[in-house]
Amino acid sequence: MAFKFDDTASYADNTTAFSLELAAADPILGPVLSARLEELSGGADNDDILDELLAALTTAAGGS
């Protein structure tokens, strides 16, 4: 992954572009990371997002 933030684009545009790249990077983690990034940029609670990321990592690693 070689995403570079565009200095001339808005924060929202950069976040959206990065989210799309994350979503395409991995079939399990990509969409989860992308959605959580969007939630964080929208002001979501960090603790809830970390719980969701840990659950996705467990799934990606073959856990339950």
PDB file of N, CA and C in Angstrom:
ATOM      1  N   MET A   1       0.849  -1.162   0.000  1.00  0.00           N
ATOM      2  CA  MET A   1       0.000   0.000   0.000  1.00  0.00           C
ATOM      3  C   MET A   1       0.901   1.233   0.000  1.00  0.00           C
ATOM      4  N   ALA A   2       0.652   2.123  -0.919  1.00  0.00           N
ATOM      5  CA  ALA A   2       1.511   3.291  -1.056  1.00  0.00           C
ATOM      6  C   ALA A   2       0.691   4.574  -1.114  1.00  0.00           C
ATOM      7  N   PHE A   3      -0.273   4.692  -0.231  1.00  0.00           N
ATOM      8  CA  PHE A   3      -1.141   5.870  -0.248  1.00  0.00           C
ATOM      9  C   PHE A   3      -0.371   7.104   0.186  1.00  0.00           C
ATOM     10  N   LYS A   4      -0.585   8.202  -0.522  1.00  0.00           N
ATOM     11  CA  LYS A   4      -0.003   9.488  -0.132  1.00  0.00           C
ATOM     12  C   LYS A   4      -1.132  10.491  -0.010  1.00  0.00           C
ATOM     13  N   PHE A   5      -1.145  11.202   1.094  1.00  0.00           N
ATOM     14  CA  PHE A   5      -2.143  12.244   1.272  1.00  0.00           C
ATOM     15  C   PHE A   5      -1.876  13.368   0.280  1.00  0.00           C
ATOM     16  N   ASP A   6      -2.943  13.890  -0.254  1.00  0.00           N
ATOM     17  CA  ASP A   6      -2.878  14.989  -1.216  1.00  0.00           C
ATOM     18  C   ASP A   6      -2.932  16.305  -0.447  1.00  0.00           C
ATOM     19  N   ASP A   7      -1.858  17.077  -0.532  1.00  0.00           N
ATOM     20  CA  ASP A   7      -1.786  18.346   0.195  1.00  0.00           C
ATOM     21  C   ASP A   7      -2.841  19.351  -0.251  1.00  0.00           C
ATOM     22  N   THR A   8      -3.349  19.190  -1.467  1.00  0.00           N
ATOM     23  CA  THR A   8      -4.335  20.138  -1.974  1.00  0.00           C
ATOM     24  C   THR A   8      -5.769  19.689  -1.715  1.00  0.00           C
ATOM     25  N   ALA A   9      -5.949  18.447  -1.273  1.00  0.00           N
ATOM     26  CA  ALA A   9      -7.296  17.918  -1.014  1.00  0.00           C
ATOM     27  C   ALA A   9      -7.698  18.182   0.433  1.00  0.00           C
ATOM     28  N   SER A  10      -8.990  18.150   0.666  1.00  0.00           N
ATOM     29  CA  SER A  10      -9.487  18.342   2.032  1.00  0.00           C
ATOM     30  C   SER A  10      -9.210  17.097   2.871  1.00  0.00           C
ATOM     31  N   TYR A  11      -9.286  17.264   4.176  1.00  0.00           N
ATOM     32  CA  TYR A  11      -9.110  16.128   5.086  1.00  0.00           C
ATOM     33  C   TYR A  11     -10.131  15.032   4.776  1.00  0.00           C
ATOM     34  N   ALA A  12     -11.368  15.431   4.544  1.00  0.00           N
ATOM     35  CA  ALA A  12     -12.425  14.454   4.252  1.00  0.00           C
ATOM     36  C   ALA A  12     -12.125  13.687   2.967  1.00  0.00           C
ATOM     37  N   ASP A  13     -11.647  14.375   1.944  1.00  0.00           N
ATOM     38  CA  ASP A  13     -11.316  13.704   0.685  1.00  0.00           C
ATOM     39  C   ASP A  13     -10.153  12.734   0.863  1.00  0.00           C
ATOM     40  N   ASN A  14      -9.135  13.145   1.612  1.00  0.00           N
ATOM     41  CA  ASN A  14      -8.005  12.262   1.883  1.00  0.00           C
ATOM     42  C   ASN A  14      -8.440  11.045   2.689  1.00  0.00           C
ATOM     43  N   THR A  15      -9.279  11.258   3.684  1.00  0.00           N
ATOM     44  CA  THR A  15      -9.761  10.150   4.507  1.00  0.00           C
ATOM     45  C   THR A  15     -10.569   9.168   3.669  1.00  0.00           C
ATOM     46  N   THR A  16     -11.415   9.676   2.808  1.00  0.00           N
ATOM     47  CA  THR A  16     -12.218   8.815   1.941  1.00  0.00           C
ATOM     48  C   THR A  16     -11.332   8.016   0.994  1.00  0.00           C
ATOM     49  N   ALA A  17     -10.358   8.661   0.392  1.00  0.00           N
ATOM     50  CA  ALA A  17      -9.451   7.969  -0.527  1.00  0.00           C
ATOM     51  C   ALA A  17      -8.654   6.893   0.202  1.00  0.00           C
ATOM     52  N   PHE A  18      -8.172   7.202   1.395  1.00  0.00           N
ATOM     53  CA  PHE A  18      -7.414   6.235   2.181  1.00  0.00           C
ATOM     54  C   PHE A  18      -8.309   5.076   2.604  1.00  0.00           C
ATOM     55  N   SER A  19      -9.545   5.364   2.963  1.00  0.00           N
ATOM     56  CA  SER A  19     -10.490   4.317   3.350  1.00  0.00           C
ATOM     57  C   SER A  19     -10.743   3.352   2.203  1.00  0.00           C
ATOM     58  N   LEU A  20     -10.886   3.882   1.004  1.00  0.00           N
ATOM     59  CA  LEU A  20     -11.098   3.025  -0.164  1.00  0.00           C
ATOM     60  C   LEU A  20      -9.891   2.129  -0.419  1.00  0.00           C
ATOM     61  N   GLU A  21      -8.696   2.681  -0.233  1.00  0.00           N
ATOM     62  CA  GLU A  21      -7.489   1.877  -0.421  1.00  0.00           C
ATOM     63  C   GLU A  21      -7.386   0.795   0.653  1.00  0.00           C
ATOM     64  N   LEU A  22      -7.728   1.137   1.888  1.00  0.00           N
ATOM     65  CA  LEU A  22      -7.733   0.140   2.956  1.00  0.00           C
ATOM     66  C   LEU A  22      -8.719  -0.982   2.663  1.00  0.00           C
ATOM     67  N   ALA A  23      -9.894  -0.621   2.193  1.00  0.00           N
ATOM     68  CA  ALA A  23     -10.934  -1.611   1.916  1.00  0.00           C
ATOM     69  C   ALA A  23     -10.473  -2.614   0.866  1.00  0.00           C
ATOM     70  N   ALA A  24      -9.666  -2.166  -0.077  1.00  0.00           N
ATOM     71  CA  ALA A  24      -9.192  -3.045  -1.139  1.00  0.00           C
ATOM     72  C   ALA A  24      -7.964  -3.862  -0.730  1.00  0.00           C
ATOM     73  N   ALA A  25      -7.329  -3.511   0.370  1.00  0.00           N
ATOM     74  CA  ALA A  25      -6.070  -4.140   0.758  1.00  0.00           C
ATOM     75  C   ALA A  25      -6.222  -5.565   1.283  1.00  0.00           C
ATOM     76  N   ASP A  26      -7.315  -5.867   1.944  1.00  0.00           N
ATOM     77  CA  ASP A  26      -7.502  -7.181   2.562  1.00  0.00           C
ATOM     78  C   ASP A  26      -8.997  -7.470   2.622  1.00  0.00           C
ATOM     79  N   PRO A  27      -9.424  -8.690   2.259  1.00  0.00           N
ATOM     80  CA  PRO A  27     -10.863  -8.976   2.209  1.00  0.00           C
ATOM     81  C   PRO A  27     -11.570  -8.959   3.562  1.00  0.00           C
ATOM     82  N   ILE A  28     -10.854  -9.214   4.643  1.00  0.00           N
ATOM     83  CA  ILE A  28     -11.482  -9.214   5.973  1.00  0.00           C
ATOM     84  C   ILE A  28     -11.196  -7.911   6.701  1.00  0.00           C
ATOM     85  N   LEU A  29      -9.931  -7.589   6.835  1.00  0.00           N
ATOM     86  CA  LEU A  29      -9.557  -6.407   7.613  1.00  0.00           C
ATOM     87  C   LEU A  29      -9.779  -5.098   6.870  1.00  0.00           C
ATOM     88  N   GLY A  30      -9.605  -5.106   5.565  1.00  0.00           N
ATOM     89  CA  GLY A  30      -9.729  -3.875   4.794  1.00  0.00           C
ATOM     90  C   GLY A  30     -11.036  -3.137   5.007  1.00  0.00           C
ATOM     91  N   PRO A  31     -12.182  -3.797   4.796  1.00  0.00           N
ATOM     92  CA  PRO A  31     -13.455  -3.105   5.002  1.00  0.00           C
ATOM     93  C   PRO A  31     -13.669  -2.649   6.446  1.00  0.00           C
ATOM     94  N   VAL A  32     -13.189  -3.449   7.399  1.00  0.00           N
ATOM     95  CA  VAL A  32     -13.338  -3.085   8.815  1.00  0.00           C
ATOM     96  C   VAL A  32     -12.492  -1.853   9.127  1.00  0.00           C
ATOM     97  N   LEU A  33     -11.242  -1.870   8.697  1.00  0.00           N
ATOM     98  CA  LEU A  33     -10.369  -0.718   8.931  1.00  0.00           C
ATOM     99  C   LEU A  33     -10.914   0.530   8.249  1.00  0.00           C
ATOM    100  N   SER A  34     -11.402   0.358   7.048  1.00  0.00           N
ATOM    101  CA  SER A  34     -11.968   1.484   6.316  1.00  0.00           C
ATOM    102  C   SER A  34     -13.155   2.095   7.053  1.00  0.00           C
ATOM    103  N   ALA A  35     -14.063   1.255   7.488  1.00  0.00           N
ATOM    104  CA  ALA A  35     -15.250   1.747   8.201  1.00  0.00           C
ATOM    105  C   ALA A  35     -14.873   2.408   9.518  1.00  0.00           C
ATOM    106  N   ARG A  36     -13.919   1.821  10.243  1.00  0.00           N
ATOM    107  CA  ARG A  36     -13.515   2.399  11.523  1.00  0.00           C
ATOM    108  C   ARG A  36     -12.827   3.737  11.323  1.00  0.00           C
ATOM    109  N   LEU A  37     -12.034   3.876  10.272  1.00  0.00           N
ATOM    110  CA  LEU A  37     -11.394   5.157   9.983  1.00  0.00           C
ATOM    111  C   LEU A  37     -12.448   6.225   9.726  1.00  0.00           C
ATOM    112  N   GLU A  38     -13.464   5.863   8.958  1.00  0.00           N
ATOM    113  CA  GLU A  38     -14.552   6.808   8.696  1.00  0.00           C
ATOM    114  C   GLU A  38     -15.255   7.192  10.002  1.00  0.00           C
ATOM    115  N   GLU A  39     -15.465   6.210  10.879  1.00  0.00           N
ATOM    116  CA  GLU A  39     -16.118   6.492  12.164  1.00  0.00           C
ATOM    117  C   GLU A  39     -15.255   7.396  13.037  1.00  0.00           C
ATOM    118  N   LEU A  40     -13.953   7.123  13.076  1.00  0.00           N
ATOM    119  CA  LEU A  40     -13.048   7.961  13.868  1.00  0.00           C
ATOM    120  C   LEU A  40     -13.045   9.395  13.360  1.00  0.00           C
ATOM    121  N   SER A  41     -12.994   9.556  12.049  1.00  0.00           N
ATOM    122  CA  SER A  41     -12.979  10.911  11.505  1.00  0.00           C
ATOM    123  C   SER A  41     -14.307  11.617  11.747  1.00  0.00           C
ATOM    124  N   GLY A  42     -15.358  10.847  12.015  1.00  0.00           N
ATOM    125  CA  GLY A  42     -16.662  11.421  12.335  1.00  0.00           C
ATOM    126  C   GLY A  42     -16.875  11.654  13.816  1.00  0.00           C
ATOM    127  N   GLY A  43     -15.865  11.322  14.641  1.00  0.00           N
ATOM    128  CA  GLY A  43     -15.940  11.588  16.072  1.00  0.00           C
ATOM    129  C   GLY A  43     -16.429  10.434  16.924  1.00  0.00           C
ATOM    130  N   ALA A  44     -16.367   9.208  16.410  1.00  0.00           N
ATOM    131  CA  ALA A  44     -16.827   8.042  17.170  1.00  0.00           C
ATOM    132  C   ALA A  44     -15.920   7.771  18.372  1.00  0.00           C
ATOM    133  N   ASP A  45     -16.427   6.998  19.317  1.00  0.00           N
ATOM    134  CA  ASP A  45     -15.693   6.644  20.530  1.00  0.00           C
ATOM    135  C   ASP A  45     -14.555   5.673  20.203  1.00  0.00           C
ATOM    136  N   ASN A  46     -13.352   6.014  20.611  1.00  0.00           N
ATOM    137  CA  ASN A  46     -12.176   5.191  20.318  1.00  0.00           C
ATOM    138  C   ASN A  46     -12.272   3.783  20.891  1.00  0.00           C
ATOM    139  N   ASP A  47     -12.777   3.632  22.104  1.00  0.00           N
ATOM    140  CA  ASP A  47     -12.815   2.318  22.742  1.00  0.00           C
ATOM    141  C   ASP A  47     -13.683   1.334  21.972  1.00  0.00           C
ATOM    142  N   ASP A  48     -14.834   1.780  21.506  1.00  0.00           N
ATOM    143  CA  ASP A  48     -15.703   0.900  20.724  1.00  0.00           C
ATOM    144  C   ASP A  48     -15.028   0.480  19.426  1.00  0.00           C
ATOM    145  N   ILE A  49     -14.336   1.400  18.808  1.00  0.00           N
ATOM    146  CA  ILE A  49     -13.664   1.099  17.554  1.00  0.00           C
ATOM    147  C   ILE A  49     -12.534   0.107  17.781  1.00  0.00           C
ATOM    148  N   LEU A  50     -11.784   0.261  18.860  1.00  0.00           N
ATOM    149  CA  LEU A  50     -10.714  -0.689  19.159  1.00  0.00           C
ATOM    150  C   LEU A  50     -11.266  -2.086  19.387  1.00  0.00           C
ATOM    151  N   ASP A  51     -12.401  -2.198  20.057  1.00  0.00           N
ATOM    152  CA  ASP A  51     -13.033  -3.509  20.256  1.00  0.00           C
ATOM    153  C   ASP A  51     -13.391  -4.149  18.920  1.00  0.00           C
ATOM    154  N   GLU A  52     -13.932  -3.359  18.001  1.00  0.00           N
ATOM    155  CA  GLU A  52     -14.307  -3.879  16.689  1.00  0.00           C
ATOM    156  C   GLU A  52     -13.071  -4.302  15.894  1.00  0.00           C
ATOM    157  N   LEU A  53     -11.994  -3.544  15.992  1.00  0.00           N
ATOM    158  CA  LEU A  53     -10.764  -3.903  15.296  1.00  0.00           C
ATOM    159  C   LEU A  53     -10.167  -5.190  15.849  1.00  0.00           C
ATOM    160  N   LEU A  54     -10.178  -5.343  17.157  1.00  0.00           N
ATOM    161  CA  LEU A  54      -9.670  -6.577  17.752  1.00  0.00           C
ATOM    162  C   LEU A  54     -10.483  -7.782  17.308  1.00  0.00           C
ATOM    163  N   ALA A  55     -11.786  -7.635  17.223  1.00  0.00           N
ATOM    164  CA  ALA A  55     -12.641  -8.726  16.751  1.00  0.00           C
ATOM    165  C   ALA A  55     -12.306  -9.078  15.302  1.00  0.00           C
ATOM    166  N   ALA A  56     -12.069  -8.081  14.469  1.00  0.00           N
ATOM    167  CA  ALA A  56     -11.719  -8.335  13.070  1.00  0.00           C
ATOM    168  C   ALA A  56     -10.362  -9.013  12.949  1.00  0.00           C
ATOM    169  N   LEU A  57      -9.409  -8.590  13.766  1.00  0.00           N
ATOM    170  CA  LEU A  57      -8.089  -9.226  13.753  1.00  0.00           C
ATOM    171  C   LEU A  57      -8.179 -10.688  14.161  1.00  0.00           C
ATOM    172  N   THR A  58      -9.006 -10.973  15.151  1.00  0.00           N
ATOM    173  CA  THR A  58      -9.199 -12.352  15.592  1.00  0.00           C
ATOM    174  C   THR A  58      -9.793 -13.186  14.465  1.00  0.00           C
ATOM    175  N   THR A  59     -10.773 -12.639  13.770  1.00  0.00           N
ATOM    176  CA  THR A  59     -11.392 -13.337  12.643  1.00  0.00           C
ATOM    177  C   THR A  59     -10.373 -13.573  11.532  1.00  0.00           C
ATOM    178  N   ALA A  60      -9.584 -12.565  11.228  1.00  0.00           N
ATOM    179  CA  ALA A  60      -8.593 -12.677  10.160  1.00  0.00           C
ATOM    180  C   ALA A  60      -7.519 -13.705  10.497  1.00  0.00           C
ATOM    181  N   ALA A  61      -7.233 -13.845  11.788  1.00  0.00           N
ATOM    182  CA  ALA A  61      -6.216 -14.800  12.223  1.00  0.00           C
ATOM    183  C   ALA A  61      -6.771 -16.217  12.347  1.00  0.00           C
ATOM    184  N   GLY A  62      -8.056 -16.383  12.082  1.00  0.00           N
ATOM    185  CA  GLY A  62      -8.653 -17.708  12.146  1.00  0.00           C
ATOM    186  C   GLY A  62      -9.239 -18.053  13.491  1.00  0.00           C
ATOM    187  N   GLY A  63      -9.364 -17.073  14.373  1.00  0.00           N
ATOM    188  CA  GLY A  63      -9.963 -17.306  15.691  1.00  0.00           C
ATOM    189  C   GLY A  63     -11.462 -17.221  15.617  1.00  0.00           C
ATOM    190  N   SER A  64     -12.096 -17.276  16.794  1.00  0.00           N
ATOM    191  CA  SER A  64     -13.561 -17.192  16.793  1.00  0.00           C
ATOM    192  C   SER A  64     -14.035 -16.002  17.581  1.00  0.00           C
TER     193      SER A  64
END
